[in-house]
Protein backbone atom coordinates (compact mmCIF):
# COMPACT_ATOMS: atom_id res chain seq x y z
CA MET A 1 13.57 16.57 4.70
CA ILE A 2 13.77 12.83 6.26
CA SER A 3 9.77 12.99 5.96
CA MET A 4 9.89 13.84 2.08
CA ILE A 5 11.83 10.66 1.86
CA MET A 6 9.75 8.63 3.31
CA LYS A 7 6.38 9.64 1.45
CA ALA A 8 8.53 9.57 -2.20
CA SER A 9 9.65 6.30 -1.34
CA LEU A 10 6.47 4.79 0.16
CA ALA A 11 4.62 6.22 -3.18
CA VAL A 12 7.09 4.76 -5.17
CA PHE A 13 6.89 1.58 -3.56
CA MET A 14 3.01 1.38 -3.78
CA LEU A 15 3.09 2.98 -7.14
CA ALA A 16 4.78 -0.16 -8.21
CA GLY A 17 2.52 -2.51 -6.44
CA GLY A 18 -0.35 -0.40 -8.42
CA ILE A 19 0.35 -1.38 -11.63
CA ILE A 20 1.42 -4.63 -11.11
CA LYS A 21 -1.94 -5.39 -10.20
CA VAL A 22 -3.73 -3.60 -12.48
CA PHE A 23 -1.56 -4.76 -15.28
CA ARG A 24 -2.52 -8.27 -13.68
CA VAL A 25 1.16 -9.48 -13.76
CA PRO A 26 1.26 -13.37 -13.65
CA PHE A 27 2.94 -13.88 -10.57
CA GLN A 28 0.08 -11.34 -8.88
CA VAL A 29 -2.78 -13.04 -10.13
CA GLU A 30 -1.33 -16.22 -8.40
CA HIS A 31 -0.76 -14.42 -5.44
CA TRP A 32 -4.25 -13.18 -5.38
CA ARG A 33 -6.21 -16.33 -6.58
CA HIS A 34 -4.01 -17.72 -2.76
CA TYR A 35 -5.30 -15.78 -1.13
CA GLN A 36 -9.05 -16.64 -2.40
CA TYR A 37 -10.43 -12.77 -3.28
CA PRO A 38 -12.00 -12.29 -7.12
CA LEU A 39 -10.02 -10.86 -9.55
CA TRP A 40 -11.73 -7.77 -10.20
CA PHE A 41 -10.70 -6.84 -6.39
CA LEU A 42 -7.15 -7.07 -7.46
CA THR A 43 -8.05 -4.33 -9.98
CA VAL A 44 -9.88 -2.41 -7.48
CA THR A 45 -6.89 -2.61 -4.94
CA GLY A 46 -4.29 -1.62 -7.70
CA ILE A 47 -5.78 1.54 -8.74
CA LEU A 48 -6.84 2.34 -4.82
CA GLU A 49 -2.96 1.88 -4.33
CA ILE A 50 -2.16 4.20 -7.92
CA ALA A 51 -4.41 6.61 -6.75
CA GLY A 52 -2.72 6.60 -3.00
CA ALA A 53 0.78 7.00 -4.27
CA LEU A 54 -0.17 10.37 -6.41
CA ALA A 55 -2.07 11.30 -3.55
CA MET A 56 1.77 10.82 -1.11
CA THR A 57 3.40 12.37 -3.92
CA ALA A 58 1.47 15.63 -4.03
CA GLY A 59 1.23 15.19 -0.03
CA ILE A 60 5.21 16.41 0.09
CA TRP A 61 3.58 19.85 -0.29
CA ASN A 62 0.40 19.13 1.06
CA ARG A 63 -0.21 17.90 4.64
CA TYR A 64 -3.91 17.37 3.40
CA ALA A 65 -2.89 15.02 0.69
CA ALA A 66 -0.13 13.03 2.79
CA LEU A 67 -3.38 12.21 5.54
CA GLY A 68 -5.22 11.10 2.99
CA ALA A 69 -3.05 8.65 1.44
CA GLY A 70 -1.97 7.48 4.74
CA VAL A 71 -5.16 7.03 5.53
CA LEU A 72 -5.90 4.88 2.59
CA PHE A 73 -2.37 2.62 2.60
CA ILE A 74 -3.29 2.13 6.57
CA VAL A 75 -6.38 0.23 4.95
CA LEU A 76 -4.80 -1.70 2.62
CA MET A 77 -1.75 -2.20 4.05
CA ALA A 78 -3.62 -3.57 7.41
CA GLY A 79 -6.22 -6.21 4.47
CA ALA A 80 -2.41 -7.19 3.00
CA VAL A 81 -1.63 -7.68 6.64
CA HIS A 82 -4.59 -10.31 6.60
CA ALA A 83 -4.18 -11.85 3.30
CA HIS A 84 -0.83 -12.59 4.01
CA MET A 85 -1.34 -14.25 7.65
CA PHE A 86 -4.96 -15.21 7.53
CA ARG A 87 -6.35 -16.11 3.73
CA ALA A 88 -2.98 -17.73 2.86
CA ARG A 89 -1.38 -18.68 6.00
CA GLN A 90 1.92 -17.53 4.59
CA SER A 91 4.91 -16.90 7.38
CA VAL A 92 5.47 -13.02 9.17
CA LEU A 93 8.54 -12.90 7.14
CA MET A 94 5.85 -12.74 3.83
CA THR A 95 3.72 -9.86 5.57
CA MET A 96 7.12 -7.73 6.22
CA PRO A 97 6.76 -5.24 2.72
CA ALA A 98 3.41 -4.61 3.64
CA MET A 99 4.16 -4.00 7.43
CA ILE A 100 6.48 -1.46 6.49
CA CYS A 101 4.43 0.24 4.62
CA LEU A 102 1.53 0.21 7.37
CA ILE A 103 4.75 1.57 9.83
CA ALA A 104 5.53 3.93 7.21
CA SER A 105 2.29 5.23 6.67
CA ILE A 106 1.59 5.85 10.50
CA MET A 107 4.90 7.43 11.08
CA ILE A 108 3.19 10.08 8.43
CA ILE A 109 0.38 10.42 9.60
CA ILE A 110 1.63 11.23 13.05
CA ARG A 111 4.21 13.87 11.37
CA GLU A 112 1.75 15.40 9.57
CA LEU A 113 -0.70 15.58 12.72
CA MET A 114 2.53 17.68 14.69
């Protein structure tokens, strides 16, 4: 039950983030410029987050979908932590959402491999 809640929560959070990126909501565009990444990469990242959210949702019933989405989210969230801390030089506090998603993804992968 806890695993299902984690997967669903992570999927909802990543879906929201992906939609914000794909539709280029102004505050996200401003963040992206601060990270000094090209705007096309914003769209690609958003599409990957949406795809991962859909896969994580499927992962509630299919462990391989959860594993794939978990690996994708680990890569994306490691990149997010890097962008916040090293490209934008923001505080650790700003990385907390990405770190929580990173840790949740690792926990889901470990759970699915057991």
